C-alpha atoms as a PDB file:
ATOM      1  CA  UNK A   1       9.107-154.164  33.192  1.00  0.00           C
ATOM      2  CA  UNK A   2       7.223-157.324  34.161  1.00  0.00           C
ATOM      3  CA  UNK A   3       9.118-160.046  35.930  1.00  0.00           C
ATOM      4  CA  UNK A   4       9.866-163.201  33.951  1.00  0.00           C
ATOM      5  CA  UNK A   5      10.054-165.629  36.877  1.00  0.00           C
ATOM      6  CA  UNK A   6       7.252-166.914  39.100  1.00  0.00           C
ATOM      7  CA  UNK A   7       7.561-168.945  42.277  1.00  0.00           C
ATOM      8  CA  UNK A   8       5.073-170.985  44.279  1.00  0.00           C
ATOM      9  CA  UNK A   9       5.288-173.363  47.201  1.00  0.00           C
ATOM     10  CA  UNK A  10       3.311-176.441  48.170  1.00  0.00           C
ATOM     11  CA  UNK A  11       4.452-178.092  51.359  1.00  0.00           C
ATOM     12  CA  UNK A  12       8.212-178.527  51.270  1.00  0.00           C
ATOM     13  CA  UNK A  13       8.409-178.186  47.466  1.00  0.00           C
ATOM     14  CA  UNK A  14       9.011-174.874  45.692  1.00  0.00           C
ATOM     15  CA  UNK A  15       8.240-174.530  41.986  1.00  0.00           C
ATOM     16  CA  UNK A  16      10.126-171.848  40.064  1.00  0.00           C
ATOM     17  CA  UNK A  17       8.688-171.045  36.633  1.00  0.00           C
ATOM     18  CA  UNK A  18      10.541-169.298  33.811  1.00  0.00           C
ATOM     19  CA  UNK A  19       7.834-167.103  32.275  1.00  0.00           C
ATOM     20  CA  UNK A  20       8.974-165.468  29.061  1.00  0.00           C
ATOM     21  CA  UNK A  21       6.743-167.296  26.583  1.00  0.00           C
ATOM     22  CA  UNK A  22       6.985-164.635  23.866  1.00  0.00           C
ATOM     23  CA  UNK A  23      10.652-165.652  23.454  1.00  0.00           C
ATOM     24  CA  UNK A  24      10.121-169.326  24.319  1.00  0.00           C
ATOM     25  CA  UNK A  25      11.773-168.569  27.667  1.00  0.00           C
ATOM     26  CA  UNK A  26      15.106-167.662  26.047  1.00  0.00           C
ATOM     27  CA  UNK A  27      17.657-166.592  28.637  1.00  0.00           C
ATOM     28  CA  UNK A  28      18.893-163.025  28.588  1.00  0.00           C
ATOM     29  CA  UNK A  29      20.965-161.333  31.295  1.00  0.00           C
ATOM     30  CA  UNK A  30      17.936-159.886  33.083  1.00  0.00           C
ATOM     31  CA  UNK A  31      16.103-163.232  33.135  1.00  0.00           C
ATOM     32  CA  UNK A  32      19.219-165.033  34.366  1.00  0.00           C
ATOM     33  CA  UNK A  33      19.491-162.598  37.279  1.00  0.00           C
ATOM     34  CA  UNK A  34      15.802-162.909  38.157  1.00  0.00           C
ATOM     35  CA  UNK A  35      16.010-166.684  38.022  1.00  0.00           C
ATOM     36  CA  UNK A  36      19.192-166.837  40.095  1.00  0.00           C
ATOM     37  CA  UNK A  37      17.558-164.590  42.721  1.00  0.00           C
ATOM     38  CA  UNK A  38      14.374-166.695  42.809  1.00  0.00           C
ATOM     39  CA  UNK A  39      16.348-169.906  43.209  1.00  0.00           C
ATOM     40  CA  UNK A  40      18.572-168.412  45.900  1.00  0.00           C
ATOM     41  CA  UNK A  41      15.462-167.288  47.810  1.00  0.00           C
ATOM     42  CA  UNK A  42      14.012-170.803  47.619  1.00  0.00           C
ATOM     43  CA  UNK A  43      17.272-172.350  48.805  1.00  0.00           C
ATOM     44  CA  UNK A  44      17.381-169.942  51.746  1.00  0.00           C
ATOM     45  CA  UNK A  45      13.849-170.813  52.934  1.00  0.00           C
ATOM     46  CA  UNK A  46      14.171-173.445  55.712  1.00  0.00           C
ATOM     47  CA  UNK A  47      10.733-174.918  55.009  1.00  0.00           C
ATOM     48  CA  UNK A  48      11.658-175.746  51.412  1.00  0.00           C
ATOM     49  CA  UNK A  49      13.415-179.084  50.880  1.00  0.00           C
ATOM     50  CA  UNK A  50      13.323-179.505  47.074  1.00  0.00           C
ATOM     51  CA  UNK A  51      12.994-177.084  44.158  1.00  0.00           C
ATOM     52  CA  UNK A  52      11.330-177.837  40.809  1.00  0.00           C
ATOM     53  CA  UNK A  53      12.427-175.685  37.867  1.00  0.00           C
ATOM     54  CA  UNK A  54      10.252-175.446  34.762  1.00  0.00           C
ATOM     55  CA  UNK A  55       9.175-173.143  31.949  1.00  0.00           C
ATOM     56  CA  UNK A  56       5.814-171.724  30.853  1.00  0.00           C
ATOM     57  CA  UNK A  57       4.077-171.870  27.508  1.00  0.00           C
ATOM     58  CA  UNK A  58       4.983-175.460  26.715  1.00  0.00           C
ATOM     59  CA  UNK A  59       8.739-174.844  26.701  1.00  0.00           C
ATOM     60  CA  UNK A  60      11.558-175.250  29.175  1.00  0.00           C
ATOM     61  CA  UNK A  61      14.140-172.865  27.688  1.00  0.00           C
ATOM     62  CA  UNK A  62      14.658-172.564  23.939  1.00  0.00           C
ATOM     63  CA  UNK A  63      18.208-171.240  24.383  1.00  0.00           C
ATOM     64  CA  UNK A  64      20.127-168.119  25.234  1.00  0.00           C
ATOM     65  CA  UNK A  65      18.905-164.884  23.640  1.00  0.00           C
ATOM     66  CA  UNK A  66      20.987-164.612  20.435  1.00  0.00           C
ATOM     67  CA  UNK A  67      19.958-160.985  19.907  1.00  0.00           C
ATOM     68  CA  UNK A  68      21.708-160.112  23.172  1.00  0.00           C
ATOM     69  CA  UNK A  69      24.710-162.384  22.563  1.00  0.00           C
ATOM     70  CA  UNK A  70      25.378-160.976  19.082  1.00  0.00           C
ATOM     71  CA  UNK A  71      27.473-158.002  20.176  1.00  0.00           C
ATOM     72  CA  UNK A  72      28.901-159.275  23.468  1.00  0.00           C
ATOM     73  CA  UNK A  73      32.670-159.220  23.903  1.00  0.00           C
ATOM     74  CA  UNK A  74      34.693-161.615  26.098  1.00  0.00           C
ATOM     75  CA  UNK A  75      34.846-159.248  29.073  1.00  0.00           C
ATOM     76  CA  UNK A  76      31.096-158.635  28.874  1.00  0.00           C
ATOM     77  CA  UNK A  77      30.476-162.206  29.992  1.00  0.00           C
ATOM     78  CA  UNK A  78      32.622-161.637  33.073  1.00  0.00           C
ATOM     79  CA  UNK A  79      31.199-158.191  33.795  1.00  0.00           C
ATOM     80  CA  UNK A  80      27.573-159.306  33.400  1.00  0.00           C
ATOM     81  CA  UNK A  81      28.049-162.636  35.170  1.00  0.00           C
ATOM     82  CA  UNK A  82      26.592-164.645  32.310  1.00  0.00           C
ATOM     83  CA  UNK A  83      27.517-167.931  34.024  1.00  0.00           C
ATOM     84  CA  UNK A  84      26.270-167.020  37.509  1.00  0.00           C
ATOM     85  CA  UNK A  85      22.867-168.687  37.089  1.00  0.00           C
ATOM     86  CA  UNK A  86      24.400-172.033  36.157  1.00  0.00           C
ATOM     87  CA  UNK A  87      26.766-171.849  39.126  1.00  0.00           C
ATOM     88  CA  UNK A  88      23.819-171.146  41.460  1.00  0.00           C
ATOM     89  CA  UNK A  89      22.094-174.314  40.232  1.00  0.00           C
ATOM     90  CA  UNK A  90      25.243-176.456  40.267  1.00  0.00           C
ATOM     91  CA  UNK A  91      26.067-175.361  43.827  1.00  0.00           C
ATOM     92  CA  UNK A  92      22.488-175.640  45.097  1.00  0.00           C
ATOM     93  CA  UNK A  93      22.294-176.741  48.760  1.00  0.00           C
ATOM     94  CA  UNK A  94      19.008-178.528  48.027  1.00  0.00           C
ATOM     95  CA  UNK A  95      17.921-180.877  45.229  1.00  0.00           C
ATOM     96  CA  UNK A  96      16.731-179.223  42.030  1.00  0.00           C
ATOM     97  CA  UNK A  97      14.535-181.090  39.550  1.00  0.00           C
ATOM     98  CA  UNK A  98      14.070-179.829  35.979  1.00  0.00           C
ATOM     99  CA  UNK A  99      10.612-180.428  34.494  1.00  0.00           C
ATOM    100  CA  UNK A 100      11.070-180.238  30.722  1.00  0.00           C
ATOM    101  CA  UNK A 101       8.372-179.825  28.110  1.00  0.00           C
ATOM    102  CA  UNK A 102       9.037-178.646  24.578  1.00  0.00           C
ATOM    103  CA  UNK A 103      12.588-177.460  24.041  1.00  0.00           C
ATOM    104  CA  UNK A 104      15.664-177.407  26.276  1.00  0.00           C
ATOM    105  CA  UNK A 105      18.256-176.085  23.851  1.00  0.00           C
ATOM    106  CA  UNK A 106      21.620-174.373  24.233  1.00  0.00           C
ATOM    107  CA  UNK A 107      21.671-172.613  27.579  1.00  0.00           C
ATOM    108  CA  UNK A 108      18.346-174.299  28.345  1.00  0.00           C
ATOM    109  CA  UNK A 109      19.894-177.727  27.916  1.00  0.00           C
ATOM    110  CA  UNK A 110      22.830-176.677  30.093  1.00  0.00           C
ATOM    111  CA  UNK A 111      20.428-175.343  32.724  1.00  0.00           C
ATOM    112  CA  UNK A 112      18.557-178.663  32.825  1.00  0.00           C
ATOM    113  CA  UNK A 113      21.825-180.611  32.960  1.00  0.00           C
ATOM    114  CA  UNK A 114      22.908-178.509  35.949  1.00  0.00           C
ATOM    115  CA  UNK A 115      19.984-179.895  37.974  1.00  0.00           C
ATOM    116  CA  UNK A 116      20.043-183.045  40.096  1.00  0.00           C
ATOM    117  CA  UNK A 117      17.244-184.757  38.172  1.00  0.00           C
ATOM    118  CA  UNK A 118      15.463-184.204  34.861  1.00  0.00           C
ATOM    119  CA  UNK A 119      11.861-185.248  34.231  1.00  0.00           C
ATOM    120  CA  UNK A 120      11.068-184.861  30.541  1.00  0.00           C
ATOM    121  CA  UNK A 121       8.018-185.262  28.354  1.00  0.00           C
ATOM    122  CA  UNK A 122       8.412-187.956  25.722  1.00  0.00           C
ATOM    123  CA  UNK A 123       8.117-185.386  22.918  1.00  0.00           C
ATOM    124  CA  UNK A 124      10.617-182.916  24.438  1.00  0.00           C
ATOM    125  CA  UNK A 125      13.820-182.003  22.618  1.00  0.00           C
ATOM    126  CA  UNK A 126      17.264-181.320  24.060  1.00  0.00           C
ATOM    127  CA  UNK A 127      20.337-180.072  22.222  1.00  0.00           C
ATOM    128  CA  UNK A 128      23.437-177.895  22.049  1.00  0.00           C
ATOM    129  CA  UNK A 129      23.067-176.022  18.731  1.00  0.00           C
ATOM    130  CA  UNK A 130      25.665-173.322  19.521  1.00  0.00           C
ATOM    131  CA  UNK A 131      27.989-174.442  16.721  1.00  0.00           C
ATOM    132  CA  UNK A 132      25.361-173.368  14.198  1.00  0.00           C
ATOM    133  CA  UNK A 133      25.834-169.732  15.216  1.00  0.00           C
ATOM    134  CA  UNK A 134      29.613-169.826  15.382  1.00  0.00           C
ATOM    135  CA  UNK A 135      30.211-170.582  19.049  1.00  0.00           C
ATOM    136  CA  UNK A 136      30.195-173.596  21.391  1.00  0.00           C
ATOM    137  CA  UNK A 137      28.496-174.549  24.659  1.00  0.00           C
ATOM    138  CA  UNK A 138      29.899-172.438  27.471  1.00  0.00           C
ATOM    139  CA  UNK A 139      27.961-173.332  30.617  1.00  0.00           C
ATOM    140  CA  UNK A 140      28.710-177.017  30.947  1.00  0.00           C
ATOM    141  CA  UNK A 141      27.249-178.493  27.763  1.00  0.00           C
ATOM    142  CA  UNK A 142      30.319-180.271  26.429  1.00  0.00           C
ATOM    143  CA  UNK A 143      31.383-181.550  29.848  1.00  0.00           C
ATOM    144  CA  UNK A 144      27.952-182.657  31.064  1.00  0.00           C
ATOM    145  CA  UNK A 145      27.281-184.516  27.818  1.00  0.00           C
ATOM    146  CA  UNK A 146      30.754-186.052  27.921  1.00  0.00           C
ATOM    147  CA  UNK A 147      30.312-187.362  31.455  1.00  0.00           C
ATOM    148  CA  UNK A 148      26.752-188.577  31.007  1.00  0.00           C
ATOM    149  CA  UNK A 149      26.725-189.973  27.469  1.00  0.00           C
ATOM    150  CA  UNK A 150      30.386-190.459  26.624  1.00  0.00           C
ATOM    151  CA  UNK A 151      32.778-188.902  24.132  1.00  0.00           C
ATOM    152  CA  UNK A 152      31.203-190.138  20.907  1.00  0.00           C
ATOM    153  CA  UNK A 153      27.648-189.043  21.593  1.00  0.00           C
ATOM    154  CA  UNK A 154      28.903-185.736  23.012  1.00  0.00           C
ATOM    155  CA  UNK A 155      30.957-185.160  19.861  1.00  0.00           C
ATOM    156  CA  UNK A 156      28.008-186.006  17.611  1.00  0.00           C
ATOM    157  CA  UNK A 157      25.609-183.653  19.366  1.00  0.00           C
ATOM    158  CA  UNK A 158      27.962-180.704  19.890  1.00  0.00           C
ATOM    159  CA  UNK A 159      29.672-180.838  16.481  1.00  0.00           C
ATOM    160  CA  UNK A 160      26.405-181.053  14.527  1.00  0.00           C
ATOM    161  CA  UNK A 161      24.080-179.148  16.848  1.00  0.00           C
ATOM    162  CA  UNK A 162      21.336-181.640  16.050  1.00  0.00           C
ATOM    163  CA  UNK A 163      18.419-181.961  18.476  1.00  0.00           C
ATOM    164  CA  UNK A 164      18.252-184.885  20.891  1.00  0.00           C
ATOM    165  CA  UNK A 165      14.760-186.418  21.217  1.00  0.00           C
ATOM    166  CA  UNK A 166      13.862-187.061  24.851  1.00  0.00           C
ATOM    167  CA  UNK A 167      13.763-190.881  24.435  1.00  0.00           C
ATOM    168  CA  UNK A 168      17.307-190.774  23.028  1.00  0.00           C
ATOM    169  CA  UNK A 169      18.389-188.438  25.843  1.00  0.00           C
ATOM    170  CA  UNK A 170      16.880-190.877  28.342  1.00  0.00           C
ATOM    171  CA  UNK A 171      18.730-193.814  26.762  1.00  0.00           C
ATOM    172  CA  UNK A 172      21.965-191.788  26.963  1.00  0.00           C
ATOM    173  CA  UNK A 173      21.487-191.071  30.696  1.00  0.00           C
ATOM    174  CA  UNK A 174      20.685-187.374  30.225  1.00  0.00           C
ATOM    175  CA  UNK A 175      17.097-187.733  31.492  1.00  0.00           C
ATOM    176  CA  UNK A 176      16.038-189.311  34.782  1.00  0.00           C
ATOM    177  CA  UNK A 177      12.444-190.105  33.870  1.00  0.00           C
ATOM    178  CA  UNK A 178      10.306-189.966  30.719  1.00  0.00           C
ATOM    179  CA  UNK A 179       6.632-189.076  31.110  1.00  0.00           C
ATOM    180  CA  UNK A 180       3.617-188.405  28.940  1.00  0.00           C
ATOM    181  CA  UNK A 181       3.491-185.015  27.210  1.00  0.00           C
ATOM    182  CA  UNK A 182       2.002-182.331  29.415  1.00  0.00           C
ATOM    183  CA  UNK A 183       2.746-184.151  32.672  1.00  0.00           C
ATOM    184  CA  UNK A 184       6.406-183.276  33.303  1.00  0.00           C
ATOM    185  CA  UNK A 185       5.663-180.642  35.936  1.00  0.00           C
ATOM    186  CA  UNK A 186       3.182-182.772  37.887  1.00  0.00           C
ATOM    187  CA  UNK A 187       5.530-185.766  37.793  1.00  0.00           C
ATOM    188  CA  UNK A 188       8.492-183.630  38.875  1.00  0.00           C
ATOM    189  CA  UNK A 189       6.500-182.167  41.758  1.00  0.00           C
ATOM    190  CA  UNK A 190       5.430-185.655  42.877  1.00  0.00           C
ATOM    191  CA  UNK A 191       9.048-186.815  42.743  1.00  0.00           C
ATOM    192  CA  UNK A 192      10.120-183.708  44.649  1.00  0.00           C
ATOM    193  CA  UNK A 193       7.538-184.422  47.363  1.00  0.00           C
ATOM    194  CA  UNK A 194       8.916-187.948  47.750  1.00  0.00           C
ATOM    195  CA  UNK A 195      12.471-186.662  48.134  1.00  0.00           C
ATOM    196  CA  UNK A 196      11.291-183.933  50.517  1.00  0.00           C
ATOM    197  CA  UNK A 197      10.014-186.706  52.792  1.00  0.00           C
ATOM    198  CA  UNK A 198      13.436-188.325  53.016  1.00  0.00           C
ATOM    199  CA  UNK A 199      15.924-187.572  55.838  1.00  0.00           C
ATOM    200  CA  UNK A 200      17.575-184.239  54.914  1.00  0.00           C
ATOM    201  CA  UNK A 201      21.066-185.179  56.126  1.00  0.00           C
ATOM    202  CA  UNK A 202      21.058-188.355  54.037  1.00  0.00           C
ATOM    203  CA  UNK A 203      19.821-186.415  50.999  1.00  0.00           C
ATOM    204  CA  UNK A 204      22.646-183.927  51.460  1.00  0.00           C
ATOM    205  CA  UNK A 205      25.233-186.684  51.885  1.00  0.00           C
ATOM    206  CA  UNK A 206      24.110-188.581  48.782  1.00  0.00           C
ATOM    207  CA  UNK A 207      24.190-185.409  46.677  1.00  0.00           C
ATOM    208  CA  UNK A 208      27.706-184.667  47.945  1.00  0.00           C
ATOM    209  CA  UNK A 209      28.888-188.183  47.112  1.00  0.00           C
ATOM    210  CA  UNK A 210      27.423-187.981  43.610  1.00  0.00           C
ATOM    211  CA  UNK A 211      28.765-184.505  42.939  1.00  0.00           C
ATOM    212  CA  UNK A 212      32.287-185.006  44.253  1.00  0.00           C
ATOM    213  CA  UNK A 213      32.698-188.665  43.357  1.00  0.00           C
ATOM    214  CA  UNK A 214      31.984-188.427  39.636  1.00  0.00           C
ATOM    215  CA  UNK A 215      35.363-187.073  38.568  1.00  0.00           C
ATOM    216  CA  UNK A 216      37.846-188.702  40.943  1.00  0.00           C
ATOM    217  CA  UNK A 217      39.403-192.191  40.936  1.00  0.00           C
ATOM    218  CA  UNK A 218      37.078-194.945  42.123  1.00  0.00           C
ATOM    219  CA  UNK A 219      39.037-195.651  45.307  1.00  0.00           C
ATOM    220  CA  UNK A 220      38.881-191.970  46.266  1.00  0.00           C
ATOM    221  CA  UNK A 221      35.144-191.891  45.577  1.00  0.00           C
ATOM    222  CA  UNK A 222      34.575-195.041  47.618  1.00  0.00           C
ATOM    223  CA  UNK A 223      36.488-193.537  50.520  1.00  0.00           C
ATOM    224  CA  UNK A 224      34.382-190.365  50.304  1.00  0.00           C
ATOM    225  CA  UNK A 225      31.192-192.421  50.236  1.00  0.00           C
ATOM    226  CA  UNK A 226      32.286-194.411  53.284  1.00  0.00           C
ATOM    227  CA  UNK A 227      33.102-191.293  55.314  1.00  0.00           C
ATOM    228  CA  UNK A 228      29.713-189.777  54.479  1.00  0.00           C
ATOM    229  CA  UNK A 229      27.977-193.072  55.342  1.00  0.00           C
ATOM    230  CA  UNK A 230      29.725-193.268  58.724  1.00  0.00           C
ATOM    231  CA  UNK A 231      28.966-189.636  59.512  1.00  0.00           C
ATOM    232  CA  UNK A 232      25.221-190.276  59.249  1.00  0.00           C
ATOM    233  CA  UNK A 233      25.446-192.680  62.204  1.00  0.00           C
ATOM    234  CA  UNK A 234      25.873-189.641  64.428  1.00  0.00           C
ATOM    235  CA  UNK A 235      22.450-188.296  63.432  1.00  0.00           C
ATOM    236  CA  UNK A 236      19.074-188.506  65.144  1.00  0.00           C
ATOM    237  CA  UNK A 237      17.514-189.287  61.753  1.00  0.00           C
ATOM    238  CA  UNK A 238      19.553-192.505  61.477  1.00  0.00           C
ATOM    239  CA  UNK A 239      18.196-193.743  64.785  1.00  0.00           C
ATOM    240  CA  UNK A 240      14.677-192.573  63.995  1.00  0.00           C
ATOM    241  CA  UNK A 241      14.709-194.226  60.577  1.00  0.00           C
ATOM    242  CA  UNK A 242      15.916-197.558  61.885  1.00  0.00           C
ATOM    243  CA  UNK A 243      13.615-197.486  64.904  1.00  0.00           C
ATOM    244  CA  UNK A 244      10.658-196.737  62.640  1.00  0.00           C
ATOM    245  CA  UNK A 245      11.610-199.622  60.360  1.00  0.00           C
ATOM    246  CA  UNK A 246      11.871-202.062  63.271  1.00  0.00           C
ATOM    247  CA  UNK A 247       8.628-200.785  64.811  1.00  0.00           C
ATOM    248  CA  UNK A 248       6.829-200.886  61.455  1.00  0.00           C
ATOM    249  CA  UNK A 249       5.758-197.241  61.525  1.00  0.00           C
ATOM    250  CA  UNK A 250       6.360-194.155  59.404  1.00  0.00           C
ATOM    251  CA  UNK A 251       9.560-192.284  60.330  1.00  0.00           C
ATOM    252  CA  UNK A 252       9.577-188.645  61.461  1.00  0.00           C
ATOM    253  CA  UNK A 253      12.780-187.099  60.144  1.00  0.00           C
ATOM    254  CA  UNK A 254      13.937-183.748  61.497  1.00  0.00           C
ATOM    255  CA  UNK A 255      17.243-183.171  59.730  1.00  0.00           C
ATOM    256  CA  UNK A 256      19.499-183.554  62.733  1.00  0.00           C
END
């Protein structure tokens, strides 16, 4: 059986492509495992600093494969690890950027929302339509929408299952950057290259502050931010960055 995931690397940026166009890249158990393995391999490669995740055929991911879900029982989800892919992305040690064209629905929307950044074409569509088939989002959809867009938008989208046009998703803080149709991948790769050129320890610290600070009291989050800020002053990259600024030259960061 042909693999449904392709990977490529250019410089410090890896691009992982979901390639199941005959099903609009719908996620089944096999594809989830392949994708989790491809992402884990990219994260483990020292030369890779940022990962771009996208889909082929003009789609990101049109959802989870309903034909496979139809007869699954509660313990099947645990036995088959149906949430493992989303956990791999959420716990990624390196930034992950979703490049979204076409549809990012159901599990596809949750997969995009698990990434650090989302670059979306202006005509793309997001959504959590699970309610229309008798279930609900189960890989972060309700909680990601709640935290990004607030209770009332989250309720509207999850209780009706209606699609979210990319401009509306952008206005609701679900999308980092809107781009012209057909350019999401190129724009995401350019953004990834910019981030890959930043000091790795500072990138890691900022991601940790954002991830851990979102759901704690403000004073706790500010204390976390301060500790991470202070810790960076023990790095070579801090001295290199400031020396380069003062000397009016490009910095050479080494991640130490």
